[in-house]
Amino acid sequence: MLQRYDERNADIRYWVNGELLHRSQPGLSPFDSVVQGGDAVWEGLRLYRGAVYGLTEHLARLRRSATALGFADIPDDAAIIDALVTTLRANEMVDGVHVRLTLTRGVKVTSGMDPRLNQAGSTLIVLAEFKAPVYDTGGLRLATSSVRRPGPDVLDPKIHHANLLNSILAKIEATAAGADDALMLDQRGFVAETNATHLFAVTGGALATPSTAACPEGITRQTVLDLASVHGIPAVVRDISLTEMYTADEVFCTGTMGEIAAVTVIDGRTIGTGEVGPLTSRVAQIYQKHAAANGVRLL
């Protein structure tokens, strides 16, 4: 599975600290912390007919992550929303759009890891693209990676940071194995998530999802849990073994970029019937309707 280039994005403009630049124009200093060491936090947003679902939750997570890393001069929500709206309007974007917000520690006075070298305040980047949900709705193939998700004793997953080498290494393994994405375990050997999304197993009409001990707190994941409660679908958060994934009736993954996508093969084993399951389809429909109707209107 490889995302496809959308010709509508050929001339998009992106935002860097108050300036709109054409995608071909470089906007980041080589002294910026995200270049120097991946020292940044980020969020993915999806635009539904002029509204962004979960905007408040995403901005709160961005702020928590930046605060945990000790960033100075964190822009307030109003400033970030203004940059977001300006970028969307500049690109005449209203629907079917994915936005990546990145906040870096900022530009250093000289190369080095010491945050005291950052004396110019943070850098805000807004990149918006025309992009439909990226996963094949017919079912994904996962391969378990040898790369593990670290726990909070290594790098706290509650910090939604931009140092994604852990995920990239897992994705490389999955691609080499002929899979769409990697299934990643935690340091104890329990399922954590994929290299890019959270996972749910369906057994006997009930949902189960791993805890966030070794993966980020997912906005879409939490929405699914909340909607399951409202719609009478049993759901539990607990440790899940790989064997339970193999033997589940259905498996699906969740995320802002891909929404809800079925998983039909894990490590060469067919999950359930090998087709998109009925509960996966139901959850996807409930989520899409909810997200489209409950966003924060910007345009």
Protein backbone atom coordinates (compact mmCIF):
# COMPACT_ATOMS: atom_id res chain seq x y z
CA MET A 1 0.00 0.00 0.00
CA LEU A 2 1.46 3.30 -1.11
CA GLN A 3 -0.32 6.64 -0.87
CA ARG A 4 -0.97 8.18 -4.26
CA TYR A 5 0.00 11.68 -5.27
CA ASP A 6 -2.99 13.97 -5.83
CA GLU A 7 -2.48 16.46 -8.67
CA ARG A 8 -4.57 19.02 -6.77
CA ASN A 9 -1.64 19.34 -4.37
CA ALA A 10 0.79 20.50 -7.07
CA ASP A 11 0.58 24.15 -6.07
CA ILE A 12 -0.43 24.06 -2.43
CA ARG A 13 0.99 26.57 -0.01
CA TYR A 14 2.03 25.75 3.53
CA TRP A 15 2.48 27.90 6.63
CA VAL A 16 5.70 28.45 8.57
CA ASN A 17 5.58 30.97 11.43
CA GLY A 18 3.37 33.52 9.72
CA GLU A 19 4.51 33.02 6.14
CA LEU A 20 2.74 31.10 3.36
CA LEU A 21 5.11 29.35 0.97
CA HIS A 22 4.65 27.30 -2.19
CA ARG A 23 5.37 23.63 -1.62
CA SER A 24 8.52 23.98 -3.75
CA GLN A 25 9.92 26.71 -1.51
CA PRO A 26 12.07 25.69 1.48
CA GLY A 27 10.74 27.19 4.68
CA LEU A 28 12.75 25.56 7.48
CA SER A 29 16.17 26.56 8.73
CA PRO A 30 18.81 23.82 8.92
CA PHE A 31 19.18 25.01 12.53
CA ASP A 32 15.56 24.15 13.35
CA SER A 33 15.20 21.53 16.06
CA VAL A 34 13.06 19.26 13.92
CA VAL A 35 15.92 19.06 11.42
CA GLN A 36 18.60 18.73 14.08
CA GLY A 37 16.98 15.94 16.08
CA GLY A 38 13.31 15.37 15.30
CA ASP A 39 12.61 17.64 18.29
CA ALA A 40 8.98 18.47 17.55
CA VAL A 41 5.40 17.46 18.28
CA TRP A 42 2.61 17.03 15.76
CA GLU A 43 -1.07 16.35 15.13
CA GLY A 44 -3.06 15.09 12.16
CA LEU A 45 -6.44 16.70 11.44
CA ARG A 46 -9.19 15.90 8.94
CA LEU A 47 -11.45 18.52 7.35
CA TYR A 48 -15.09 17.55 6.76
CA ARG A 49 -17.06 20.17 4.78
CA GLY A 50 -15.34 23.10 6.46
CA ALA A 51 -15.14 21.58 9.94
CA VAL A 52 -12.37 19.72 11.75
CA TYR A 53 -13.37 16.80 13.92
CA GLY A 54 -11.68 16.57 17.32
CA LEU A 55 -9.89 19.90 16.93
CA THR A 56 -10.08 20.74 20.63
CA GLU A 57 -8.73 17.32 21.62
CA HIS A 58 -5.93 17.46 19.06
CA LEU A 59 -4.80 20.91 20.14
CA ALA A 60 -4.91 19.85 23.79
CA ARG A 61 -2.68 16.85 23.02
CA LEU A 62 -0.30 19.06 21.04
CA ARG A 63 -0.05 21.42 24.00
CA ARG A 64 0.48 18.59 26.52
CA SER A 65 3.26 17.13 24.38
CA ALA A 66 5.00 20.48 23.90
CA THR A 67 4.71 21.25 27.61
CA ALA A 68 6.15 17.86 28.55
CA LEU A 69 9.16 18.56 26.32
CA GLY A 70 9.63 21.98 27.85
CA PHE A 71 8.99 24.05 24.72
CA ALA A 72 9.06 27.81 25.18
CA ASP A 73 6.60 30.19 23.52
CA ILE A 74 3.90 27.63 22.76
CA PRO A 75 1.27 29.39 20.59
CA ASP A 76 -2.24 29.48 22.00
CA ASP A 77 -5.16 27.72 20.33
CA ALA A 78 -6.41 30.93 18.71
CA ALA A 79 -3.06 31.50 16.98
CA ILE A 80 -2.90 27.92 15.73
CA ILE A 81 -6.49 28.03 14.46
CA ASP A 82 -5.80 31.34 12.69
CA ALA A 83 -2.80 29.77 10.93
CA LEU A 84 -4.91 26.73 10.03
CA VAL A 85 -7.77 28.79 8.59
CA THR A 86 -5.37 31.03 6.66
CA THR A 87 -3.70 27.98 5.11
CA LEU A 88 -6.98 26.31 4.17
CA ARG A 89 -8.34 29.49 2.58
CA ALA A 90 -5.12 30.10 0.66
CA ASN A 91 -5.50 26.64 -0.86
CA GLU A 92 -9.30 26.88 -1.34
CA MET A 93 -9.76 23.74 0.74
CA VAL A 94 -13.13 22.82 2.24
CA ASP A 95 -13.50 19.02 2.24
CA GLY A 96 -11.48 15.84 1.83
CA VAL A 97 -8.40 17.42 3.37
CA HIS A 98 -5.76 16.10 5.78
CA VAL A 99 -3.74 18.61 7.78
CA ARG A 100 -0.48 17.98 9.57
CA LEU A 101 0.29 20.46 12.35
CA THR A 102 3.90 20.44 13.52
CA LEU A 103 5.32 22.48 16.37
CA THR A 104 9.10 22.37 16.76
CA ARG A 105 11.27 23.63 19.60
CA GLY A 106 12.44 26.27 17.14
CA VAL A 107 15.68 27.51 15.60
CA LYS A 108 18.99 27.01 17.43
CA VAL A 109 21.77 29.59 17.58
CA THR A 110 24.22 26.79 16.72
CA SER A 111 24.01 23.05 16.11
CA GLY A 112 23.59 20.88 19.19
CA MET A 113 21.09 18.97 21.29
CA ASP A 114 20.98 21.36 24.28
CA PRO A 115 17.55 23.08 24.40
CA ARG A 116 19.27 26.17 25.81
CA LEU A 117 20.50 26.75 22.26
CA ASN A 118 16.89 27.43 21.26
CA GLN A 119 16.44 31.14 21.83
CA ALA A 120 13.98 32.16 19.10
CA GLY A 121 10.80 30.43 20.30
CA SER A 122 8.91 27.58 18.67
CA THR A 123 8.22 27.02 14.96
CA LEU A 124 4.65 26.30 13.80
CA ILE A 125 4.15 24.47 10.49
CA VAL A 126 0.74 23.88 8.87
CA LEU A 127 0.69 21.49 5.91
CA ALA A 128 -2.71 20.84 4.34
CA GLU A 129 -3.25 18.39 1.46
CA PHE A 130 -6.20 17.10 -0.49
CA LYS A 131 -6.23 13.53 0.76
CA ALA A 132 -8.95 10.95 1.16
CA PRO A 133 -8.62 8.29 3.90
CA VAL A 134 -5.47 6.46 2.90
CA TYR A 135 -6.28 2.81 3.59
CA ASP A 136 -7.85 0.24 1.29
CA THR A 137 -11.36 -0.29 2.64
CA GLY A 138 -11.29 -3.86 1.36
CA GLY A 139 -8.91 -5.02 4.09
CA LEU A 140 -5.31 -4.51 5.18
CA ARG A 141 -2.50 -7.02 5.51
CA LEU A 142 -0.31 -6.67 8.60
CA ALA A 143 3.02 -8.27 9.45
CA THR A 144 4.39 -8.32 12.99
CA SER A 145 7.58 -6.31 13.27
CA SER A 146 10.67 -7.13 15.29
CA VAL A 147 10.75 -3.44 16.26
CA ARG A 148 8.97 -2.93 19.59
CA ARG A 149 7.02 0.05 20.87
CA PRO A 150 8.88 1.52 23.86
CA GLY A 151 7.20 2.13 27.19
CA PRO A 152 7.34 5.32 29.27
CA ASP A 153 10.65 4.22 30.81
CA VAL A 154 12.25 4.73 27.36
CA LEU A 155 10.14 7.44 25.71
CA ASP A 156 6.70 8.22 27.07
CA PRO A 157 4.14 7.52 24.32
CA LYS A 158 1.92 10.26 25.72
CA ILE A 159 4.36 12.70 24.12
CA HIS A 160 3.13 12.85 20.53
CA HIS A 161 6.61 13.55 19.16
CA ALA A 162 7.89 13.76 15.59
CA ASN A 163 10.82 11.39 16.02
CA LEU A 164 9.22 8.53 14.09
CA LEU A 165 12.19 6.28 13.32
CA ASN A 166 10.66 3.52 15.45
CA SER A 167 7.60 3.50 13.19
CA ILE A 168 9.63 3.90 10.00
CA LEU A 169 11.82 0.89 10.78
CA ALA A 170 8.71 -1.19 11.43
CA LYS A 171 7.14 0.02 8.18
CA ILE A 172 10.27 -0.99 6.26
CA GLU A 173 9.97 -4.52 7.66
CA ALA A 174 6.28 -4.69 6.78
CA THR A 175 6.90 -3.57 3.22
CA ALA A 176 9.68 -6.16 2.81
CA ALA A 177 7.22 -8.80 4.04
CA GLY A 178 4.63 -7.77 1.45
CA ALA A 179 2.27 -6.30 4.05
CA ASP A 180 0.49 -2.94 4.11
CA ASP A 181 1.57 -1.99 7.61
CA ALA A 182 3.40 -3.37 10.62
CA LEU A 183 1.82 -4.75 13.76
CA MET A 184 3.96 -3.65 16.69
CA LEU A 185 4.27 -5.28 20.11
CA ASP A 186 5.19 -3.65 23.39
CA GLN A 187 8.27 -4.64 25.39
CA ARG A 188 6.28 -7.40 27.14
CA GLY A 189 5.15 -8.99 23.90
CA PHE A 190 1.55 -7.76 23.95
CA VAL A 191 0.00 -5.95 20.99
CA ALA A 192 0.57 -2.18 21.06
CA GLU A 193 -0.62 -0.80 17.70
CA THR A 194 0.49 -0.63 14.07
CA ASN A 195 3.26 1.66 12.87
CA ALA A 196 0.61 4.35 12.28
CA THR A 197 -2.76 3.39 13.81
CA HIS A 198 -4.48 1.86 16.83
CA LEU A 199 -5.95 -1.62 16.71
CA PHE A 200 -9.25 -3.19 17.77
CA ALA A 201 -10.14 -6.87 17.88
CA VAL A 202 -13.74 -8.07 17.58
CA THR A 203 -14.69 -11.31 19.33
CA GLY A 204 -18.26 -12.42 19.95
CA GLY A 205 -19.65 -9.00 19.04
CA ALA A 206 -17.45 -7.16 21.54
CA LEU A 207 -14.51 -4.81 20.99
CA ALA A 208 -11.13 -5.03 22.68
CA THR A 209 -8.23 -2.62 22.24
CA PRO A 210 -4.78 -2.45 23.85
CA SER A 211 -4.07 0.13 26.52
CA THR A 212 -1.96 3.18 25.70
CA ALA A 213 0.94 2.00 27.87
CA ALA A 214 3.14 1.75 24.77
CA CYS A 215 1.34 3.85 22.17
CA PRO A 216 -0.08 7.37 21.90
CA GLU A 217 -3.50 8.32 23.19
CA GLY A 218 -5.56 8.14 20.00
CA ILE A 219 -8.32 10.66 19.32
CA THR A 220 -10.07 8.32 16.86
CA ARG A 221 -9.51 5.35 19.19
CA GLN A 222 -11.19 7.18 22.06
CA THR A 223 -14.05 8.27 19.81
CA VAL A 224 -14.68 4.63 18.87
CA LEU A 225 -14.74 3.65 22.55
CA ASP A 226 -17.15 6.49 23.34
CA LEU A 227 -19.43 5.67 20.40
CA ALA A 228 -19.41 1.96 21.30
CA SER A 229 -20.80 2.86 24.72
CA VAL A 230 -23.52 5.04 23.19
CA HIS A 231 -24.54 2.39 20.66
CA GLY A 232 -24.57 -0.59 23.02
CA ILE A 233 -21.43 -2.26 21.69
CA PRO A 234 -19.40 -3.90 24.47
CA ALA A 235 -15.81 -2.63 24.57
CA VAL A 236 -12.85 -3.20 26.86
CA VAL A 237 -9.30 -1.85 27.13
CA ARG A 238 -6.78 -4.53 28.16
CA ASP A 239 -3.63 -6.40 27.23
CA ILE A 240 -4.14 -8.36 24.01
CA SER A 241 -1.83 -11.13 22.81
CA LEU A 242 -0.90 -11.73 19.20
CA THR A 243 -2.74 -15.06 19.30
CA GLU A 244 -5.96 -13.23 20.19
CA MET A 245 -5.52 -11.09 17.11
CA TYR A 246 -4.99 -14.15 14.92
CA THR A 247 -8.18 -15.79 16.25
CA ALA A 248 -10.45 -12.72 16.41
CA ASP A 249 -13.64 -12.62 14.38
CA GLU A 250 -12.63 -9.22 13.00
CA VAL A 251 -9.77 -6.74 13.39
CA PHE A 252 -9.73 -3.09 12.42
CA CYS A 253 -7.47 -0.09 12.88
CA THR A 254 -8.29 3.51 13.68
CA GLY A 255 -6.66 6.86 12.94
CA THR A 256 -7.33 10.35 11.66
CA MET A 257 -5.62 9.76 8.33
CA GLY A 258 -7.32 6.44 7.64
CA GLU A 259 -10.50 6.63 9.78
CA ILE A 260 -11.68 3.01 10.29
CA ALA A 261 -10.07 0.28 8.17
CA ALA A 262 -10.51 -3.48 8.35
CA VAL A 263 -7.55 -5.83 8.80
CA THR A 264 -8.07 -9.14 7.01
CA VAL A 265 -4.63 -10.79 7.21
CA ILE A 266 -2.01 -10.81 9.99
CA ASP A 267 1.26 -12.69 9.49
CA GLY A 268 -0.28 -14.73 6.69
CA ARG A 269 -3.26 -15.78 8.80
CA THR A 270 -6.73 -14.90 7.52
CA ILE A 271 -8.76 -13.00 10.10
CA GLY A 272 -12.32 -14.26 10.39
CA THR A 273 -13.81 -14.74 6.93
CA GLY A 274 -11.09 -12.70 5.26
CA GLU A 275 -13.65 -10.01 4.42
CA VAL A 276 -14.60 -6.74 6.07
CA GLY A 277 -16.69 -7.84 9.05
CA PRO A 278 -20.18 -6.59 9.95
CA LEU A 279 -19.16 -4.89 13.19
CA THR A 280 -16.21 -3.19 11.49
CA SER A 281 -18.58 -1.85 8.83
CA ARG A 282 -21.03 -0.69 11.48
CA VAL A 283 -18.37 1.08 13.53
CA ALA A 284 -16.98 2.74 10.38
CA GLN A 285 -20.41 4.07 9.42
CA ILE A 286 -21.12 5.32 12.95
CA TYR A 287 -17.73 7.02 13.17
CA GLN A 288 -17.90 8.69 9.75
CA LYS A 289 -21.38 10.06 10.43
CA HIS A 290 -20.34 11.29 13.87
CA ALA A 291 -17.10 12.93 12.69
CA ALA A 292 -18.78 14.68 9.78
CA ALA A 293 -21.52 16.07 12.03
CA ASN A 294 -19.51 17.09 15.10
CA GLY A 295 -16.48 19.01 13.89
CA VAL A 296 -15.40 22.52 14.86
CA ARG A 297 -16.48 24.71 11.94
CA LEU A 298 -13.65 26.83 10.55
CA LEU A 299 -14.88 27.78 7.07
